[in-house]
C-alpha atoms as a PDB file:
ATOM      1  CA  UNK A   1      13.065  -1.190  -4.913  1.00  0.00           C
ATOM      2  CA  UNK A   2      14.104   2.349  -2.907  1.00  0.00           C
ATOM      3  CA  UNK A   3      13.316   0.818   0.823  1.00  0.00           C
ATOM      4  CA  UNK A   4      13.482   4.412   1.919  1.00  0.00           C
ATOM      5  CA  UNK A   5       9.910   4.947   0.378  1.00  0.00           C
ATOM      6  CA  UNK A   6       8.585   1.720   1.317  1.00  0.00           C
ATOM      7  CA  UNK A   7       9.122   1.913   5.172  1.00  0.00           C
ATOM      8  CA  UNK A   8       7.983   5.412   4.778  1.00  0.00           C
ATOM      9  CA  UNK A   9       4.955   4.191   3.573  1.00  0.00           C
ATOM     10  CA  UNK A  10       4.584   1.231   6.007  1.00  0.00           C
ATOM     11  CA  UNK A  11       5.337   3.497   9.252  1.00  0.00           C
ATOM     12  CA  UNK A  12       1.939   5.062   9.600  1.00  0.00           C
ATOM     13  CA  UNK A  13      -0.690   2.947  10.835  1.00  0.00           C
ATOM     14  CA  UNK A  14      -4.014   4.262   8.459  1.00  0.00           C
ATOM     15  CA  UNK A  15      -1.484   3.323   5.463  1.00  0.00           C
ATOM     16  CA  UNK A  16      -1.100  -0.064   6.805  1.00  0.00           C
ATOM     17  CA  UNK A  17      -4.749   0.084   7.361  1.00  0.00           C
ATOM     18  CA  UNK A  18      -5.462   0.553   3.894  1.00  0.00           C
ATOM     19  CA  UNK A  19      -3.053  -2.163   2.567  1.00  0.00           C
ATOM     20  CA  UNK A  20      -4.842  -4.260   4.601  1.00  0.00           C
ATOM     21  CA  UNK A  21      -8.521  -3.595   3.189  1.00  0.00           C
ATOM     22  CA  UNK A  22      -6.579  -4.155  -0.396  1.00  0.00           C
ATOM     23  CA  UNK A  23      -5.529  -7.666   0.425  1.00  0.00           C
ATOM     24  CA  UNK A  24      -9.109  -9.038  -0.096  1.00  0.00           C
ATOM     25  CA  UNK A  25      -8.975  -7.316  -3.776  1.00  0.00           C
ATOM     26  CA  UNK A  26      -9.295  -4.249  -5.713  1.00  0.00           C
ATOM     27  CA  UNK A  27     -11.094  -1.288  -4.144  1.00  0.00           C
ATOM     28  CA  UNK A  28     -12.170   2.149  -5.081  1.00  0.00           C
ATOM     29  CA  UNK A  29     -10.576   5.519  -3.778  1.00  0.00           C
ATOM     30  CA  UNK A  30     -14.391   5.714  -2.382  1.00  0.00           C
ATOM     31  CA  UNK A  31     -14.728   2.826  -1.023  1.00  0.00           C
ATOM     32  CA  UNK A  32     -11.672   2.847   0.934  1.00  0.00           C
ATOM     33  CA  UNK A  33     -12.576   6.659   2.048  1.00  0.00           C
ATOM     34  CA  UNK A  34     -15.584   4.818   3.514  1.00  0.00           C
ATOM     35  CA  UNK A  35     -13.878   2.624   6.260  1.00  0.00           C
ATOM     36  CA  UNK A  36     -12.269   5.870   7.891  1.00  0.00           C
ATOM     37  CA  UNK A  37     -13.006   9.305   9.405  1.00  0.00           C
ATOM     38  CA  UNK A  38     -10.422  11.333   6.996  1.00  0.00           C
ATOM     39  CA  UNK A  39     -11.319  13.713   4.268  1.00  0.00           C
ATOM     40  CA  UNK A  40     -10.953  12.587   1.095  1.00  0.00           C
ATOM     41  CA  UNK A  41      -8.122  14.574   0.363  1.00  0.00           C
ATOM     42  CA  UNK A  42      -5.939  12.891   3.434  1.00  0.00           C
ATOM     43  CA  UNK A  43      -7.011   9.432   1.956  1.00  0.00           C
ATOM     44  CA  UNK A  44      -5.803  10.574  -1.084  1.00  0.00           C
ATOM     45  CA  UNK A  45      -2.717  11.810   0.427  1.00  0.00           C
ATOM     46  CA  UNK A  46      -2.062   8.077   1.883  1.00  0.00           C
ATOM     47  CA  UNK A  47      -2.781   6.471  -1.206  1.00  0.00           C
ATOM     48  CA  UNK A  48      -0.518   8.609  -3.247  1.00  0.00           C
ATOM     49  CA  UNK A  49       2.095   7.823  -0.765  1.00  0.00           C
ATOM     50  CA  UNK A  50       1.711   4.171  -1.191  1.00  0.00           C
ATOM     51  CA  UNK A  51       1.327   4.563  -5.010  1.00  0.00           C
ATOM     52  CA  UNK A  52       4.969   6.246  -4.944  1.00  0.00           C
ATOM     53  CA  UNK A  53       6.446   3.289  -2.740  1.00  0.00           C
ATOM     54  CA  UNK A  54       4.913   1.178  -5.226  1.00  0.00           C
ATOM     55  CA  UNK A  55       3.102  -0.971  -2.960  1.00  0.00           C
ATOM     56  CA  UNK A  56       0.104  -0.040  -4.517  1.00  0.00           C
ATOM     57  CA  UNK A  57      -1.120   0.395  -8.308  1.00  0.00           C
ATOM     58  CA  UNK A  58      -4.200   1.862  -9.502  1.00  0.00           C
ATOM     59  CA  UNK A  59      -6.632   1.981 -12.827  1.00  0.00           C
ATOM     60  CA  UNK A  60      -9.547   4.338 -13.930  1.00  0.00           C
ATOM     61  CA  UNK A  61     -12.186   2.612 -15.290  1.00  0.00           C
ATOM     62  CA  UNK A  62     -14.755   5.191 -16.131  1.00  0.00           C
ATOM     63  CA  UNK A  63     -14.880   8.058 -13.964  1.00  0.00           C
ATOM     64  CA  UNK A  64     -13.483   5.520 -10.552  1.00  0.00           C
ATOM     65  CA  UNK A  65     -10.195   5.364  -9.860  1.00  0.00           C
ATOM     66  CA  UNK A  66      -9.432   1.393  -8.463  1.00  0.00           C
ATOM     67  CA  UNK A  67      -6.657   0.272  -6.002  1.00  0.00           C
ATOM     68  CA  UNK A  68      -5.100  -2.752  -5.662  1.00  0.00           C
ATOM     69  CA  UNK A  69      -1.879  -4.266  -3.835  1.00  0.00           C
ATOM     70  CA  UNK A  70       1.557  -4.520  -5.787  1.00  0.00           C
ATOM     71  CA  UNK A  71       2.365  -7.977  -4.315  1.00  0.00           C
ATOM     72  CA  UNK A  72       5.862  -8.102  -6.372  1.00  0.00           C
ATOM     73  CA  UNK A  73       7.037  -5.403  -3.934  1.00  0.00           C
ATOM     74  CA  UNK A  74       5.785  -6.964  -0.693  1.00  0.00           C
ATOM     75  CA  UNK A  75       7.768 -10.462  -2.126  1.00  0.00           C
ATOM     76  CA  UNK A  76      11.107  -8.173  -2.738  1.00  0.00           C
ATOM     77  CA  UNK A  77      10.815  -6.671   0.669  1.00  0.00           C
ATOM     78  CA  UNK A  78      10.011 -10.457   2.370  1.00  0.00           C
ATOM     79  CA  UNK A  79      13.124 -11.891   0.600  1.00  0.00           C
ATOM     80  CA  UNK A  80      15.135  -9.118   2.142  1.00  0.00           C
ATOM     81  CA  UNK A  81      13.783  -9.293   5.674  1.00  0.00           C
ATOM     82  CA  UNK A  82      13.999 -13.296   5.165  1.00  0.00           C
ATOM     83  CA  UNK A  83      18.346 -12.815   4.978  1.00  0.00           C
ATOM     84  CA  UNK A  84      18.177 -11.468   8.381  1.00  0.00           C
ATOM     85  CA  UNK A  85      16.465 -14.908   9.716  1.00  0.00           C
ATOM     86  CA  UNK A  86      18.574 -17.658   8.169  1.00  0.00           C
ATOM     87  CA  UNK A  87      20.872 -19.647  10.478  1.00  0.00           C
ATOM     88  CA  UNK A  88      23.764 -17.837  11.593  1.00  0.00           C
ATOM     89  CA  UNK A  89      27.460 -19.709  10.562  1.00  0.00           C
END
């Protein structure tokens, strides 16, 4: 996992809000965009960064693109973070 890309993607509040939206399941790019007062290009930019960090996956269905969380990356990130919360020796 490239933590640098992951943390860069997570550093932006809009991208974190997009991830929160995707917790409930797959959504189209248009549906995601409807939740924000941003241009479609800006939403696409945020989605591209999340995709580059492998936090989301996309799939095309007809003329729509749907995005969903890639939970394996979150699991990997949590495993790394929990190494720092264990008992001290």
